[in-house]
């Protein structure tokens, strides 16, 4: 088991605007497939925040190691 960068996009309804979806993005280091950190946050959300969760999309990826970084071979200016 190892920690991986996990992104959770939470879609919810707020009590003031029940017909509008709101999106909240959370990134944490978590262990799949249990996702205990994300599950704990969703439990807190359910009990402490008035917004009603509609759905959650999860994605996770390995952390980038030093050998995986590629350096750019140029300089780019944005105006």
N, C-alpha and C. Protein backbone atom coordinates (compact mmCIF):
# COMPACT_ATOMS: atom_id res chain seq x y z
N UNK A 1 0.84 -1.18 0.00
CA UNK A 1 0.00 0.00 0.00
C UNK A 1 0.89 1.24 0.00
N UNK A 2 0.57 2.14 -0.87
CA UNK A 2 1.30 3.39 -0.89
C UNK A 2 0.34 4.54 -1.19
N UNK A 3 0.74 5.68 -0.70
CA UNK A 3 -0.07 6.87 -0.93
C UNK A 3 0.07 7.33 -2.37
N UNK A 4 -1.03 7.76 -2.94
CA UNK A 4 -1.06 8.30 -4.30
C UNK A 4 -1.84 9.60 -4.26
N UNK A 5 -1.51 10.49 -5.18
CA UNK A 5 -2.26 11.74 -5.28
C UNK A 5 -3.67 11.42 -5.77
N UNK A 6 -4.66 11.78 -4.99
CA UNK A 6 -6.05 11.47 -5.31
C UNK A 6 -6.84 12.76 -5.45
N UNK A 7 -7.59 12.84 -6.52
CA UNK A 7 -8.45 14.00 -6.78
C UNK A 7 -9.90 13.56 -6.71
N UNK A 8 -10.68 14.27 -5.92
CA UNK A 8 -12.11 13.99 -5.81
C UNK A 8 -12.87 15.23 -6.26
N UNK A 9 -13.73 15.07 -7.25
CA UNK A 9 -14.61 16.15 -7.66
C UNK A 9 -16.00 15.83 -7.12
N UNK A 10 -16.48 16.71 -6.27
CA UNK A 10 -17.74 16.49 -5.57
C UNK A 10 -18.80 17.40 -6.18
N UNK A 11 -19.89 16.80 -6.63
CA UNK A 11 -21.02 17.57 -7.16
C UNK A 11 -22.10 17.60 -6.09
N UNK A 12 -22.61 18.80 -5.82
CA UNK A 12 -23.58 18.92 -4.73
C UNK A 12 -24.61 20.00 -5.04
N UNK A 13 -25.68 19.97 -4.25
CA UNK A 13 -26.73 20.98 -4.27
C UNK A 13 -26.61 21.77 -2.98
N UNK A 14 -26.62 23.09 -3.07
CA UNK A 14 -26.66 23.93 -1.88
C UNK A 14 -28.12 24.23 -1.54
N UNK A 15 -28.44 24.37 -0.26
CA UNK A 15 -29.84 24.60 0.13
C UNK A 15 -30.44 25.88 -0.48
N UNK A 16 -29.61 26.90 -0.67
CA UNK A 16 -30.12 28.16 -1.22
C UNK A 16 -30.45 28.07 -2.70
N UNK A 17 -29.77 27.17 -3.42
CA UNK A 17 -29.96 27.02 -4.87
C UNK A 17 -30.11 25.53 -5.22
N UNK A 18 -31.22 24.91 -4.90
CA UNK A 18 -31.36 23.46 -5.06
C UNK A 18 -31.38 22.98 -6.51
N UNK A 19 -31.60 23.87 -7.47
CA UNK A 19 -31.65 23.45 -8.87
C UNK A 19 -30.31 23.62 -9.59
N UNK A 20 -29.30 24.10 -8.87
CA UNK A 20 -27.99 24.33 -9.49
C UNK A 20 -26.97 23.37 -8.89
N UNK A 21 -26.19 22.72 -9.74
CA UNK A 21 -25.09 21.88 -9.28
C UNK A 21 -23.87 22.74 -8.98
N UNK A 22 -23.21 22.44 -7.89
CA UNK A 22 -21.94 23.08 -7.56
C UNK A 22 -20.88 22.00 -7.59
N UNK A 23 -19.67 22.39 -7.95
CA UNK A 23 -18.56 21.45 -8.03
C UNK A 23 -17.47 21.89 -7.06
N UNK A 24 -16.94 20.94 -6.31
CA UNK A 24 -15.87 21.19 -5.35
C UNK A 24 -14.78 20.17 -5.63
N UNK A 25 -13.54 20.62 -5.78
CA UNK A 25 -12.42 19.72 -6.08
C UNK A 25 -11.50 19.65 -4.87
N UNK A 26 -11.15 18.43 -4.48
CA UNK A 26 -10.28 18.19 -3.34
C UNK A 26 -9.15 17.28 -3.78
N UNK A 27 -7.90 17.64 -3.44
CA UNK A 27 -6.76 16.78 -3.73
C UNK A 27 -6.06 16.44 -2.42
N UNK A 28 -5.85 15.17 -2.19
CA UNK A 28 -5.18 14.67 -0.99
C UNK A 28 -4.33 13.47 -1.38
N UNK A 29 -3.38 13.13 -0.52
CA UNK A 29 -2.65 11.88 -0.69
C UNK A 29 -3.46 10.81 0.02
N UNK A 30 -3.79 9.74 -0.69
CA UNK A 30 -4.67 8.71 -0.15
C UNK A 30 -4.25 7.35 -0.68
N UNK A 31 -4.77 6.31 -0.08
CA UNK A 31 -4.45 4.94 -0.47
C UNK A 31 -5.66 4.31 -1.13
N UNK A 32 -5.50 3.82 -2.37
CA UNK A 32 -6.61 3.15 -3.05
C UNK A 32 -6.56 1.67 -2.70
N UNK A 33 -7.62 0.95 -2.72
CA UNK A 33 -8.97 1.31 -3.15
C UNK A 33 -9.85 1.79 -2.00
N UNK A 34 -9.32 1.87 -0.78
CA UNK A 34 -10.15 2.25 0.36
C UNK A 34 -10.42 3.75 0.45
N UNK A 35 -9.45 4.57 0.04
CA UNK A 35 -9.58 6.04 0.07
C UNK A 35 -10.09 6.52 1.43
N UNK A 36 -9.36 6.18 2.49
CA UNK A 36 -9.81 6.52 3.84
C UNK A 36 -9.83 8.02 4.09
N UNK A 37 -8.89 8.77 3.52
CA UNK A 37 -8.87 10.22 3.73
C UNK A 37 -10.08 10.87 3.07
N UNK A 38 -10.34 10.50 1.81
CA UNK A 38 -11.49 11.07 1.08
C UNK A 38 -12.80 10.64 1.75
N UNK A 39 -12.89 9.38 2.15
CA UNK A 39 -14.09 8.89 2.82
C UNK A 39 -14.34 9.65 4.12
N UNK A 40 -13.27 9.91 4.88
CA UNK A 40 -13.40 10.68 6.11
C UNK A 40 -13.89 12.09 5.85
N UNK A 41 -13.37 12.72 4.79
CA UNK A 41 -13.81 14.07 4.43
C UNK A 41 -15.29 14.06 4.03
N UNK A 42 -15.70 13.06 3.26
CA UNK A 42 -17.11 12.98 2.84
C UNK A 42 -18.03 12.75 4.04
N UNK A 43 -17.57 11.98 5.01
CA UNK A 43 -18.34 11.79 6.24
C UNK A 43 -18.50 13.09 7.00
N UNK A 44 -17.42 13.86 7.08
CA UNK A 44 -17.49 15.18 7.72
C UNK A 44 -18.46 16.07 6.97
N UNK A 45 -18.36 16.06 5.64
CA UNK A 45 -19.23 16.89 4.80
C UNK A 45 -20.70 16.54 5.08
N UNK A 46 -20.99 15.25 5.13
CA UNK A 46 -22.38 14.80 5.31
C UNK A 46 -22.97 15.28 6.63
N UNK A 47 -22.15 15.36 7.68
CA UNK A 47 -22.66 15.73 9.00
C UNK A 47 -22.56 17.21 9.31
N UNK A 48 -21.61 17.93 8.70
CA UNK A 48 -21.34 19.30 9.10
C UNK A 48 -21.69 20.37 8.06
N UNK A 49 -21.84 20.00 6.81
CA UNK A 49 -22.09 20.97 5.75
C UNK A 49 -23.50 20.76 5.22
N UNK A 50 -24.20 21.83 4.97
CA UNK A 50 -25.60 21.74 4.57
C UNK A 50 -25.81 21.32 3.12
N UNK A 51 -24.77 21.33 2.32
CA UNK A 51 -24.91 20.92 0.92
C UNK A 51 -25.14 19.42 0.82
N UNK A 52 -26.00 19.01 -0.11
CA UNK A 52 -26.31 17.59 -0.30
C UNK A 52 -25.47 17.06 -1.46
N UNK A 53 -24.69 16.03 -1.19
CA UNK A 53 -23.81 15.45 -2.22
C UNK A 53 -24.64 14.69 -3.24
N UNK A 54 -24.41 14.98 -4.50
CA UNK A 54 -25.06 14.26 -5.59
C UNK A 54 -24.19 13.11 -6.06
N UNK A 55 -22.92 13.40 -6.35
CA UNK A 55 -22.00 12.36 -6.83
C UNK A 55 -20.57 12.80 -6.59
N UNK A 56 -19.66 11.81 -6.64
CA UNK A 56 -18.24 12.06 -6.45
C UNK A 56 -17.48 11.30 -7.53
N UNK A 57 -16.57 12.00 -8.21
CA UNK A 57 -15.69 11.37 -9.21
C UNK A 57 -14.29 11.33 -8.63
N UNK A 58 -13.68 10.15 -8.62
CA UNK A 58 -12.34 9.98 -8.07
C UNK A 58 -11.34 9.65 -9.17
N UNK A 59 -10.13 10.18 -9.03
CA UNK A 59 -9.02 9.84 -9.90
C UNK A 59 -7.76 9.84 -9.05
N UNK A 60 -6.85 8.91 -9.32
CA UNK A 60 -5.60 8.93 -8.58
C UNK A 60 -4.44 8.55 -9.49
N UNK A 61 -3.25 8.99 -9.12
CA UNK A 61 -2.07 8.77 -9.94
C UNK A 61 -0.86 8.62 -9.04
N UNK A 62 0.16 7.92 -9.55
CA UNK A 62 1.40 7.81 -8.82
C UNK A 62 2.03 9.18 -8.64
N UNK A 63 2.75 9.35 -7.55
CA UNK A 63 3.48 10.59 -7.36
C UNK A 63 4.65 10.63 -8.33
N UNK A 64 4.99 11.80 -8.79
CA UNK A 64 6.08 11.96 -9.74
C UNK A 64 7.40 11.82 -9.01
N UNK A 65 8.26 10.97 -9.54
CA UNK A 65 9.59 10.80 -8.97
C UNK A 65 10.61 11.67 -9.69
N UNK A 66 11.79 11.80 -9.10
CA UNK A 66 12.82 12.67 -9.67
C UNK A 66 13.23 12.22 -11.07
N UNK A 67 13.23 10.92 -11.34
CA UNK A 67 13.63 10.42 -12.65
C UNK A 67 12.59 10.63 -13.73
N UNK A 68 11.40 11.06 -13.37
CA UNK A 68 10.32 11.20 -14.34
C UNK A 68 10.13 12.64 -14.81
N UNK A 69 10.88 13.57 -14.25
CA UNK A 69 10.72 14.97 -14.62
C UNK A 69 11.55 15.25 -15.87
N UNK A 70 10.93 15.84 -16.86
CA UNK A 70 11.63 16.24 -18.08
C UNK A 70 11.78 17.75 -18.07
N UNK A 71 12.96 18.21 -18.39
CA UNK A 71 13.22 19.64 -18.41
C UNK A 71 12.95 20.19 -19.80
N UNK A 72 12.43 21.39 -19.86
CA UNK A 72 12.16 22.05 -21.13
C UNK A 72 13.48 22.47 -21.75
N UNK A 73 13.53 22.44 -23.07
CA UNK A 73 14.76 22.84 -23.74
C UNK A 73 14.63 24.22 -24.35
N UNK A 74 13.74 25.03 -23.83
CA UNK A 74 13.56 26.38 -24.36
C UNK A 74 12.98 27.29 -23.30
N UNK A 75 12.90 28.54 -23.63
CA UNK A 75 12.32 29.52 -22.75
C UNK A 75 11.10 30.11 -23.44
N UNK A 76 10.00 30.19 -22.71
CA UNK A 76 8.74 30.66 -23.30
C UNK A 76 8.25 31.87 -22.53
N UNK A 77 7.97 32.94 -23.22
CA UNK A 77 7.44 34.15 -22.62
C UNK A 77 5.97 34.29 -22.98
N UNK A 78 5.16 34.53 -21.98
CA UNK A 78 3.74 34.75 -22.20
C UNK A 78 3.44 36.22 -22.01
N UNK A 79 2.72 36.79 -22.95
CA UNK A 79 2.40 38.22 -22.86
C UNK A 79 0.93 38.40 -22.64
